[in-house]
Amino acid sequence: MRGYGQFCPVAKAAEVFCERWTPLILRDLAGGASRFSELQRGVPLASPTLLSRRLKALEADGIVERRRSPGGSAWTYHLTPAGREFAPIVEALGVWGQRWARRDLAEGEVDLGLLVWALERYARPAALGAGPAVVRLELVDQPAAKRVWWFLNAEGRCQLCVDDPGFEVALWLEAGLRDMIRVWRGDLTVAAALDRGVLVADGAPAALRALSDWLGLNPLAHVGPAEADGQAGRAPIP
């Protein structure tokens, strides 16, 4: 049974919002994802069948609408006005998580696919100039097939590549997967990661200066942990 059996507005909203995966789907739609493949990358543990079912349920509830893609060959997904009103709720949930749920990552939470997708999605390609510029990221603790990733920055967008795209590399980055997640999440600043050697960067001086601007962090990275009765999570390293 999906419902709580109550007429309370909180219960009625929770029937929509609290389905597993739904807050993360709404997070990504609010952040600009619209294609099924993009949404799937945001919830990699949800099967395509389950994601399709969730999207259909959200469409039936008036939270999501489908539109034909510009080429007409696929569907895109978008928040309705009712769905957009969930956006500040999702953000508030994320703020709470940053303030009160800070802890070391469990093994199953160290997600390579989610990290490289987040880096592609939030990067600021203009920081590296107008021409094609590549950022090469080597995750030194990963197996050979998943160790090196390229981010092609051109025409105002960043594109993740699994093979060398063939353009000049502007920045070379090296880090362990867990440390790179800590940097993106805001647990460790870029400057501290470089100083401590857990992030190594090389490239032309201008590109190195642009690293922090290019590396679009978690939008809530600025939110620090709460200080409450000595029970707060670990503060970001300055």
C-alpha atoms as a PDB file:
ATOM      1  CA  MET A   1       0.000   0.000   0.000  1.00  0.00           C
ATOM      2  CA  ARG A   2       1.494   3.306  -1.088  1.00  0.00           C
ATOM      3  CA  GLY A   3      -0.618   5.587   1.097  1.00  0.00           C
ATOM      4  CA  TYR A   4      -0.483   6.348   4.794  1.00  0.00           C
ATOM      5  CA  GLY A   5      -4.249   6.209   5.145  1.00  0.00           C
ATOM      6  CA  GLN A   6      -4.418   9.797   6.413  1.00  0.00           C
ATOM      7  CA  PHE A   7      -5.925  13.002   5.073  1.00  0.00           C
ATOM      8  CA  CYS A   8      -3.126  15.081   6.650  1.00  0.00           C
ATOM      9  CA  PRO A   9      -1.358  17.211   3.969  1.00  0.00           C
ATOM     10  CA  VAL A  10       2.033  16.046   5.242  1.00  0.00           C
ATOM     11  CA  ALA A  11       0.971  12.447   4.686  1.00  0.00           C
ATOM     12  CA  LYS A  12      -0.382  13.210   1.218  1.00  0.00           C
ATOM     13  CA  ALA A  13       2.830  14.976   0.163  1.00  0.00           C
ATOM     14  CA  ALA A  14       4.959  12.202   1.664  1.00  0.00           C
ATOM     15  CA  GLU A  15       3.084   9.635  -0.424  1.00  0.00           C
ATOM     16  CA  VAL A  16       4.566  11.327  -3.493  1.00  0.00           C
ATOM     17  CA  PHE A  17       7.937  12.523  -2.198  1.00  0.00           C
ATOM     18  CA  CYS A  18       9.049   9.661   0.050  1.00  0.00           C
ATOM     19  CA  GLU A  19       8.983   6.847  -2.493  1.00  0.00           C
ATOM     20  CA  ARG A  20      12.494   5.406  -2.789  1.00  0.00           C
ATOM     21  CA  TRP A  21      14.573   7.209  -5.462  1.00  0.00           C
ATOM     22  CA  THR A  22      11.984   9.961  -5.928  1.00  0.00           C
ATOM     23  CA  PRO A  23      13.901  12.706  -4.030  1.00  0.00           C
ATOM     24  CA  LEU A  24      17.023  11.934  -6.104  1.00  0.00           C
ATOM     25  CA  ILE A  25      15.058  11.998  -9.357  1.00  0.00           C
ATOM     26  CA  LEU A  26      13.578  15.354  -8.354  1.00  0.00           C
ATOM     27  CA  ARG A  27      17.075  16.556  -7.371  1.00  0.00           C
ATOM     28  CA  ASP A  28      18.396  15.830 -10.849  1.00  0.00           C
ATOM     29  CA  LEU A  29      15.383  17.221 -12.695  1.00  0.00           C
ATOM     30  CA  ALA A  30      15.661  20.427 -10.658  1.00  0.00           C
ATOM     31  CA  GLY A  31      19.368  20.536 -11.508  1.00  0.00           C
ATOM     32  CA  GLY A  32      18.701  20.459 -15.255  1.00  0.00           C
ATOM     33  CA  ALA A  33      18.772  16.757 -16.183  1.00  0.00           C
ATOM     34  CA  SER A  34      16.043  15.905 -18.664  1.00  0.00           C
ATOM     35  CA  ARG A  35      17.014  12.790 -20.629  1.00  0.00           C
ATOM     36  CA  PHE A  36      16.343   9.301 -19.302  1.00  0.00           C
ATOM     37  CA  SER A  37      20.050   8.444 -19.573  1.00  0.00           C
ATOM     38  CA  GLU A  38      20.970  11.478 -17.457  1.00  0.00           C
ATOM     39  CA  LEU A  39      18.446  10.541 -14.800  1.00  0.00           C
ATOM     40  CA  GLN A  40      19.710   6.964 -14.805  1.00  0.00           C
ATOM     41  CA  ARG A  41      23.262   8.158 -14.151  1.00  0.00           C
ATOM     42  CA  GLY A  42      21.981  10.000 -11.075  1.00  0.00           C
ATOM     43  CA  VAL A  43      20.424   6.842  -9.598  1.00  0.00           C
ATOM     44  CA  PRO A  44      22.742   4.070 -10.828  1.00  0.00           C
ATOM     45  CA  LEU A  45      21.421   1.511  -8.342  1.00  0.00           C
ATOM     46  CA  ALA A  46      17.876   1.841  -9.671  1.00  0.00           C
ATOM     47  CA  SER A  47      17.128  -0.411 -12.639  1.00  0.00           C
ATOM     48  CA  PRO A  48      15.871   1.213 -15.869  1.00  0.00           C
ATOM     49  CA  THR A  49      12.529  -0.515 -15.289  1.00  0.00           C
ATOM     50  CA  LEU A  50      12.213   0.947 -11.806  1.00  0.00           C
ATOM     51  CA  LEU A  51      13.245   4.427 -12.963  1.00  0.00           C
ATOM     52  CA  SER A  52      10.678   4.271 -15.764  1.00  0.00           C
ATOM     53  CA  ARG A  53       8.035   3.247 -13.258  1.00  0.00           C
ATOM     54  CA  ARG A  54       8.913   6.120 -10.929  1.00  0.00           C
ATOM     55  CA  LEU A  55       8.763   8.629 -13.786  1.00  0.00           C
ATOM     56  CA  LYS A  56       5.375   7.343 -14.876  1.00  0.00           C
ATOM     57  CA  ALA A  57       4.072   7.636 -11.310  1.00  0.00           C
ATOM     58  CA  LEU A  58       5.393  11.210 -11.035  1.00  0.00           C
ATOM     59  CA  GLU A  59       3.765  12.033 -14.355  1.00  0.00           C
ATOM     60  CA  ALA A  60       0.449  10.594 -13.133  1.00  0.00           C
ATOM     61  CA  ASP A  61       0.755  12.722  -9.975  1.00  0.00           C
ATOM     62  CA  GLY A  62       1.283  15.890 -12.039  1.00  0.00           C
ATOM     63  CA  ILE A  63       4.868  16.344 -10.836  1.00  0.00           C
ATOM     64  CA  VAL A  64       6.668  15.528 -14.105  1.00  0.00           C
ATOM     65  CA  GLU A  65       5.708  16.015 -17.736  1.00  0.00           C
ATOM     66  CA  ARG A  66       7.155  14.303 -20.791  1.00  0.00           C
ATOM     67  CA  ARG A  67       8.011  16.205 -23.940  1.00  0.00           C
ATOM     68  CA  ARG A  68       9.306  15.116 -27.297  1.00  0.00           C
ATOM     69  CA  SER A  69      12.980  15.888 -27.777  1.00  0.00           C
ATOM     70  CA  PRO A  70      13.828  18.485 -30.441  1.00  0.00           C
ATOM     71  CA  GLY A  71      14.570  15.709 -32.924  1.00  0.00           C
ATOM     72  CA  GLY A  72      11.362  13.913 -32.028  1.00  0.00           C
ATOM     73  CA  SER A  73      13.095  10.560 -31.537  1.00  0.00           C
ATOM     74  CA  ALA A  74      13.021  10.445 -27.732  1.00  0.00           C
ATOM     75  CA  TRP A  75      11.280  11.825 -24.677  1.00  0.00           C
ATOM     76  CA  THR A  76      12.592  14.370 -22.216  1.00  0.00           C
ATOM     77  CA  TYR A  77      11.331  14.876 -18.675  1.00  0.00           C
ATOM     78  CA  HIS A  78      10.597  18.174 -16.964  1.00  0.00           C
ATOM     79  CA  LEU A  79       9.156  19.376 -13.679  1.00  0.00           C
ATOM     80  CA  THR A  80       5.682  20.863 -13.765  1.00  0.00           C
ATOM     81  CA  PRO A  81       4.858  23.891 -11.587  1.00  0.00           C
ATOM     82  CA  ALA A  82       3.858  21.435  -8.838  1.00  0.00           C
ATOM     83  CA  GLY A  83       7.155  19.605  -9.305  1.00  0.00           C
ATOM     84  CA  ARG A  84       9.188  22.807  -9.155  1.00  0.00           C
ATOM     85  CA  GLU A  85       7.708  23.512  -5.732  1.00  0.00           C
ATOM     86  CA  PHE A  86       9.563  20.414  -4.524  1.00  0.00           C
ATOM     87  CA  ALA A  87      12.927  22.009  -5.463  1.00  0.00           C
ATOM     88  CA  PRO A  88      13.372  24.029  -2.241  1.00  0.00           C
ATOM     89  CA  ILE A  89      12.352  20.943  -0.239  1.00  0.00           C
ATOM     90  CA  VAL A  90      15.046  18.908  -1.974  1.00  0.00           C
ATOM     91  CA  GLU A  91      17.595  21.665  -1.329  1.00  0.00           C
ATOM     92  CA  ALA A  92      16.599  21.882   2.326  1.00  0.00           C
ATOM     93  CA  LEU A  93      17.029  18.118   2.605  1.00  0.00           C
ATOM     94  CA  GLY A  94      20.526  18.460   1.141  1.00  0.00           C
ATOM     95  CA  VAL A  95      21.405  21.280   3.542  1.00  0.00           C
ATOM     96  CA  TRP A  96      20.293  19.103   6.461  1.00  0.00           C
ATOM     97  CA  GLY A  97      22.441  16.267   5.119  1.00  0.00           C
ATOM     98  CA  GLN A  98      25.490  18.533   4.873  1.00  0.00           C
ATOM     99  CA  ARG A  99      24.959  19.847   8.387  1.00  0.00           C
ATOM    100  CA  TRP A 100      23.919  16.723  10.270  1.00  0.00           C
ATOM    101  CA  ALA A 101      24.829  13.607   8.248  1.00  0.00           C
ATOM    102  CA  ARG A 102      28.548  14.218   7.709  1.00  0.00           C
ATOM    103  CA  ARG A 103      30.533  11.035   8.270  1.00  0.00           C
ATOM    104  CA  ASP A 104      33.150   8.917   6.552  1.00  0.00           C
ATOM    105  CA  LEU A 105      31.794   7.232   3.449  1.00  0.00           C
ATOM    106  CA  ALA A 106      30.878   3.569   3.665  1.00  0.00           C
ATOM    107  CA  GLU A 107      32.394   1.289   1.031  1.00  0.00           C
ATOM    108  CA  GLY A 108      29.162   1.095  -0.964  1.00  0.00           C
ATOM    109  CA  GLU A 109      28.897   4.906  -1.105  1.00  0.00           C
ATOM    110  CA  VAL A 110      32.249   5.438  -2.889  1.00  0.00           C
ATOM    111  CA  ASP A 111      30.598   5.633  -6.314  1.00  0.00           C
ATOM    112  CA  LEU A 112      32.905   6.231  -9.276  1.00  0.00           C
ATOM    113  CA  GLY A 113      30.133   6.685 -11.833  1.00  0.00           C
ATOM    114  CA  LEU A 114      28.296   9.246  -9.748  1.00  0.00           C
ATOM    115  CA  LEU A 115      31.507  11.227  -9.193  1.00  0.00           C
ATOM    116  CA  VAL A 116      32.534  11.532 -12.845  1.00  0.00           C
ATOM    117  CA  TRP A 117      28.953  12.408 -13.810  1.00  0.00           C
ATOM    118  CA  ALA A 118      28.877  15.114 -11.123  1.00  0.00           C
ATOM    119  CA  LEU A 119      32.220  16.507 -12.308  1.00  0.00           C
ATOM    120  CA  GLU A 120      30.938  16.667 -15.887  1.00  0.00           C
ATOM    121  CA  ARG A 121      27.607  18.172 -14.873  1.00  0.00           C
ATOM    122  CA  TYR A 122      28.891  20.920 -12.582  1.00  0.00           C
ATOM    123  CA  ALA A 123      32.146  21.855 -14.344  1.00  0.00           C
ATOM    124  CA  ARG A 124      32.503  25.435 -15.575  1.00  0.00           C
ATOM    125  CA  PRO A 125      34.154  25.041 -18.984  1.00  0.00           C
ATOM    126  CA  ALA A 126      34.449  28.790 -19.576  1.00  0.00           C
ATOM    127  CA  ALA A 127      37.102  28.910 -16.835  1.00  0.00           C
ATOM    128  CA  LEU A 128      39.546  27.270 -19.270  1.00  0.00           C
ATOM    129  CA  GLY A 129      38.949  29.711 -22.109  1.00  0.00           C
ATOM    130  CA  ALA A 130      37.106  29.564 -25.405  1.00  0.00           C
ATOM    131  CA  GLY A 131      39.009  26.885 -27.297  1.00  0.00           C
ATOM    132  CA  PRO A 132      38.799  23.124 -26.764  1.00  0.00           C
ATOM    133  CA  ALA A 133      40.604  22.280 -23.543  1.00  0.00           C
ATOM    134  CA  VAL A 134      40.884  18.877 -21.901  1.00  0.00           C
ATOM    135  CA  VAL A 135      41.131  18.025 -18.220  1.00  0.00           C
ATOM    136  CA  ARG A 136      42.643  14.586 -17.648  1.00  0.00           C
ATOM    137  CA  LEU A 137      41.700  12.989 -14.327  1.00  0.00           C
ATOM    138  CA  GLU A 138      43.572   9.923 -13.114  1.00  0.00           C
ATOM    139  CA  LEU A 139      42.007   8.106 -10.166  1.00  0.00           C
ATOM    140  CA  VAL A 140      45.134   6.409  -8.957  1.00  0.00           C
ATOM    141  CA  ASP A 141      43.474   3.712  -6.844  1.00  0.00           C
ATOM    142  CA  GLN A 142      41.142   2.421  -9.575  1.00  0.00           C
ATOM    143  CA  PRO A 143      41.682  -0.510 -11.963  1.00  0.00           C
ATOM    144  CA  ALA A 144      43.181   0.269 -15.357  1.00  0.00           C
ATOM    145  CA  ALA A 145      39.847   0.261 -17.204  1.00  0.00           C
ATOM    146  CA  LYS A 146      38.393   2.868 -14.847  1.00  0.00           C
ATOM    147  CA  ARG A 147      41.494   4.815 -13.949  1.00  0.00           C
ATOM    148  CA  VAL A 148      41.691   7.663 -16.499  1.00  0.00           C
ATOM    149  CA  TRP A 149      38.897  10.034 -17.544  1.00  0.00           C
ATOM    150  CA  TRP A 150      38.915  13.015 -19.891  1.00  0.00           C
ATOM    151  CA  PHE A 151      36.684  16.069 -19.709  1.00  0.00           C
ATOM    152  CA  LEU A 152      36.449  17.963 -22.999  1.00  0.00           C
ATOM    153  CA  ASN A 153      35.581  21.627 -22.520  1.00  0.00           C
ATOM    154  CA  ALA A 154      34.416  23.266 -25.728  1.00  0.00           C
ATOM    155  CA  GLU A 155      31.626  25.536 -26.958  1.00  0.00           C
ATOM    156  CA  GLY A 156      30.470  26.312 -23.443  1.00  0.00           C
ATOM    157  CA  ARG A 157      29.926  22.743 -22.298  1.00  0.00           C
ATOM    158  CA  CYS A 158      31.871  19.980 -20.607  1.00  0.00           C
ATOM    159  CA  GLN A 159      31.703  16.453 -22.007  1.00  0.00           C
ATOM    160  CA  LEU A 160      32.954  13.351 -20.206  1.00  0.00           C
ATOM    161  CA  CYS A 161      35.037  11.084 -22.460  1.00  0.00           C
ATOM    162  CA  VAL A 162      36.164   7.537 -21.741  1.00  0.00           C
ATOM    163  CA  ASP A 163      38.865   7.808 -24.425  1.00  0.00           C
ATOM    164  CA  ASP A 164      41.356  10.561 -25.151  1.00  0.00           C
ATOM    165  CA  PRO A 165      39.445  13.093 -27.303  1.00  0.00           C
ATOM    166  CA  GLY A 166      42.651  14.142 -29.023  1.00  0.00           C
ATOM    167  CA  PHE A 167      42.846  17.801 -27.994  1.00  0.00           C
ATOM    168  CA  GLU A 168      45.578  19.423 -25.956  1.00  0.00           C
ATOM    169  CA  VAL A 169      45.405  18.640 -22.247  1.00  0.00           C
ATOM    170  CA  ALA A 170      45.157  21.822 -20.193  1.00  0.00           C
ATOM    171  CA  LEU A 171      45.094  20.195 -16.757  1.00  0.00           C
ATOM    172  CA  TRP A 172      46.354  16.881 -15.402  1.00  0.00           C
ATOM    173  CA  LEU A 173      44.744  15.831 -12.126  1.00  0.00           C
ATOM    174  CA  GLU A 174      45.556  12.847  -9.913  1.00  0.00           C
ATOM    175  CA  ALA A 175      43.715  11.728  -6.794  1.00  0.00           C
ATOM    176  CA  GLY A 176      42.258   8.704  -5.088  1.00  0.00           C
ATOM    177  CA  LEU A 177      38.549   8.164  -5.647  1.00  0.00           C
ATOM    178  CA  ARG A 178      37.574   8.678  -2.021  1.00  0.00           C
ATOM    179  CA  ASP A 179      39.638  11.881  -1.767  1.00  0.00           C
ATOM    180  CA  MET A 180      38.177  13.261  -4.999  1.00  0.00           C
ATOM    181  CA  ILE A 181      34.685  12.644  -3.641  1.00  0.00           C
ATOM    182  CA  ARG A 182      35.650  14.465  -0.428  1.00  0.00           C
ATOM    183  CA  VAL A 183      36.812  17.457  -2.475  1.00  0.00           C
ATOM    184  CA  TRP A 184      33.648  17.525  -4.595  1.00  0.00           C
ATOM    185  CA  ARG A 185      31.398  17.102  -1.569  1.00  0.00           C
ATOM    186  CA  GLY A 186      33.076  19.984   0.268  1.00  0.00           C
ATOM    187  CA  ASP A 187      34.675  17.929   3.043  1.00  0.00           C
ATOM    188  CA  LEU A 188      38.127  18.995   1.857  1.00  0.00           C
ATOM    189  CA  THR A 189      38.900  22.241   0.081  1.00  0.00           C
ATOM    190  CA  VAL A 190      40.820  22.237  -3.188  1.00  0.00           C
ATOM    191  CA  ALA A 191      43.648  24.211  -1.578  1.00  0.00           C
ATOM    192  CA  ALA A 192      43.918  21.778   1.341  1.00  0.00           C
ATOM    193  CA  ALA A 193      43.835  18.771  -0.986  1.00  0.00           C
ATOM    194  CA  LEU A 194      46.685  20.246  -3.051  1.00  0.00           C
ATOM    195  CA  ASP A 195      48.688  21.190   0.039  1.00  0.00           C
ATOM    196  CA  ARG A 196      48.342  17.695   1.512  1.00  0.00           C
ATOM    197  CA  GLY A 197      49.168  15.985  -1.756  1.00  0.00           C
ATOM    198  CA  VAL A 198      45.926  14.009  -1.971  1.00  0.00           C
ATOM    199  CA  LEU A 199      45.136  15.984  -5.135  1.00  0.00           C
ATOM    200  CA  VAL A 200      47.970  16.583  -7.602  1.00  0.00           C
ATOM    201  CA  ALA A 201      47.540  19.111 -10.414  1.00  0.00           C
ATOM    202  CA  ASP A 202      49.804  20.014 -13.315  1.00  0.00           C
ATOM    203  CA  GLY A 203      49.384  22.198 -16.372  1.00  0.00           C
ATOM    204  CA  ALA A 204      49.985  25.674 -17.705  1.00  0.00           C
ATOM    205  CA  PRO A 205      49.966  28.397 -15.018  1.00  0.00           C
ATOM    206  CA  ALA A 206      46.711  29.900 -16.293  1.00  0.00           C
ATOM    207  CA  ALA A 207      44.981  26.519 -16.247  1.00  0.00           C
ATOM    208  CA  LEU A 208      46.236  25.784 -12.743  1.00  0.00           C
ATOM    209  CA  ARG A 209      44.897  29.129 -11.555  1.00  0.00           C
ATOM    210  CA  ALA A 210      41.543  28.228 -13.125  1.00  0.00           C
ATOM    211  CA  LEU A 211      41.291  24.814 -11.431  1.00  0.00           C
ATOM    212  CA  SER A 212      39.010  25.886  -8.599  1.00  0.00           C
ATOM    213  CA  ASP A 213      36.794  27.822 -11.016  1.00  0.00           C
ATOM    214  CA  TRP A 214      36.563  24.904 -13.446  1.00  0.00           C
ATOM    215  CA  LEU A 215      35.918  22.303 -10.762  1.00  0.00           C
ATOM    216  CA  GLY A 216      32.258  22.889 -10.065  1.00  0.00           C
ATOM    217  CA  LEU A 217      31.720  21.476  -6.606  1.00  0.00           C
ATOM    218  CA  ASN A 218      28.594  20.167  -4.968  1.00  0.00           C
ATOM    219  CA  PRO A 219      26.199  23.147  -4.900  1.00  0.00           C
ATOM    220  CA  LEU A 220      25.957  22.638  -1.126  1.00  0.00           C
ATOM    221  CA  ALA A 221      29.719  22.320  -0.568  1.00  0.00           C
ATOM    222  CA  HIS A 222      29.672  25.678   1.218  1.00  0.00           C
ATOM    223  CA  VAL A 223      27.351  24.343   3.928  1.00  0.00           C
ATOM    224  CA  GLY A 224      29.384  23.421   6.973  1.00  0.00           C
ATOM    225  CA  PRO A 225      28.533  20.804   9.598  1.00  0.00           C
ATOM    226  CA  ALA A 226      26.416  21.785  12.562  1.00  0.00           C
ATOM    227  CA  GLU A 227      27.911  22.432  15.964  1.00  0.00           C
ATOM    228  CA  ALA A 228      25.366  20.903  18.316  1.00  0.00           C
ATOM    229  CA  ASP A 229      26.147  19.464  21.751  1.00  0.00           C
ATOM    230  CA  GLY A 230      29.457  18.149  20.523  1.00  0.00           C
ATOM    231  CA  GLN A 231      27.672  15.734  18.168  1.00  0.00           C
ATOM    232  CA  ALA A 232      28.451  17.503  14.874  1.00  0.00           C
ATOM    233  CA  GLY A 233      30.039  15.696  11.992  1.00  0.00           C
ATOM    234  CA  ARG A 234      33.595  16.340  10.955  1.00  0.00           C
ATOM    235  CA  ALA A 235      34.191  19.899   9.721  1.00  0.00           C
ATOM    236  CA  PRO A 236      35.707  20.499   6.288  1.00  0.00           C
ATOM    237  CA  ILE A 237      39.483  20.849   6.395  1.00  0.00           C
ATOM    238  CA  PRO A 238      40.346  24.501   5.723  1.00  0.00           C
END
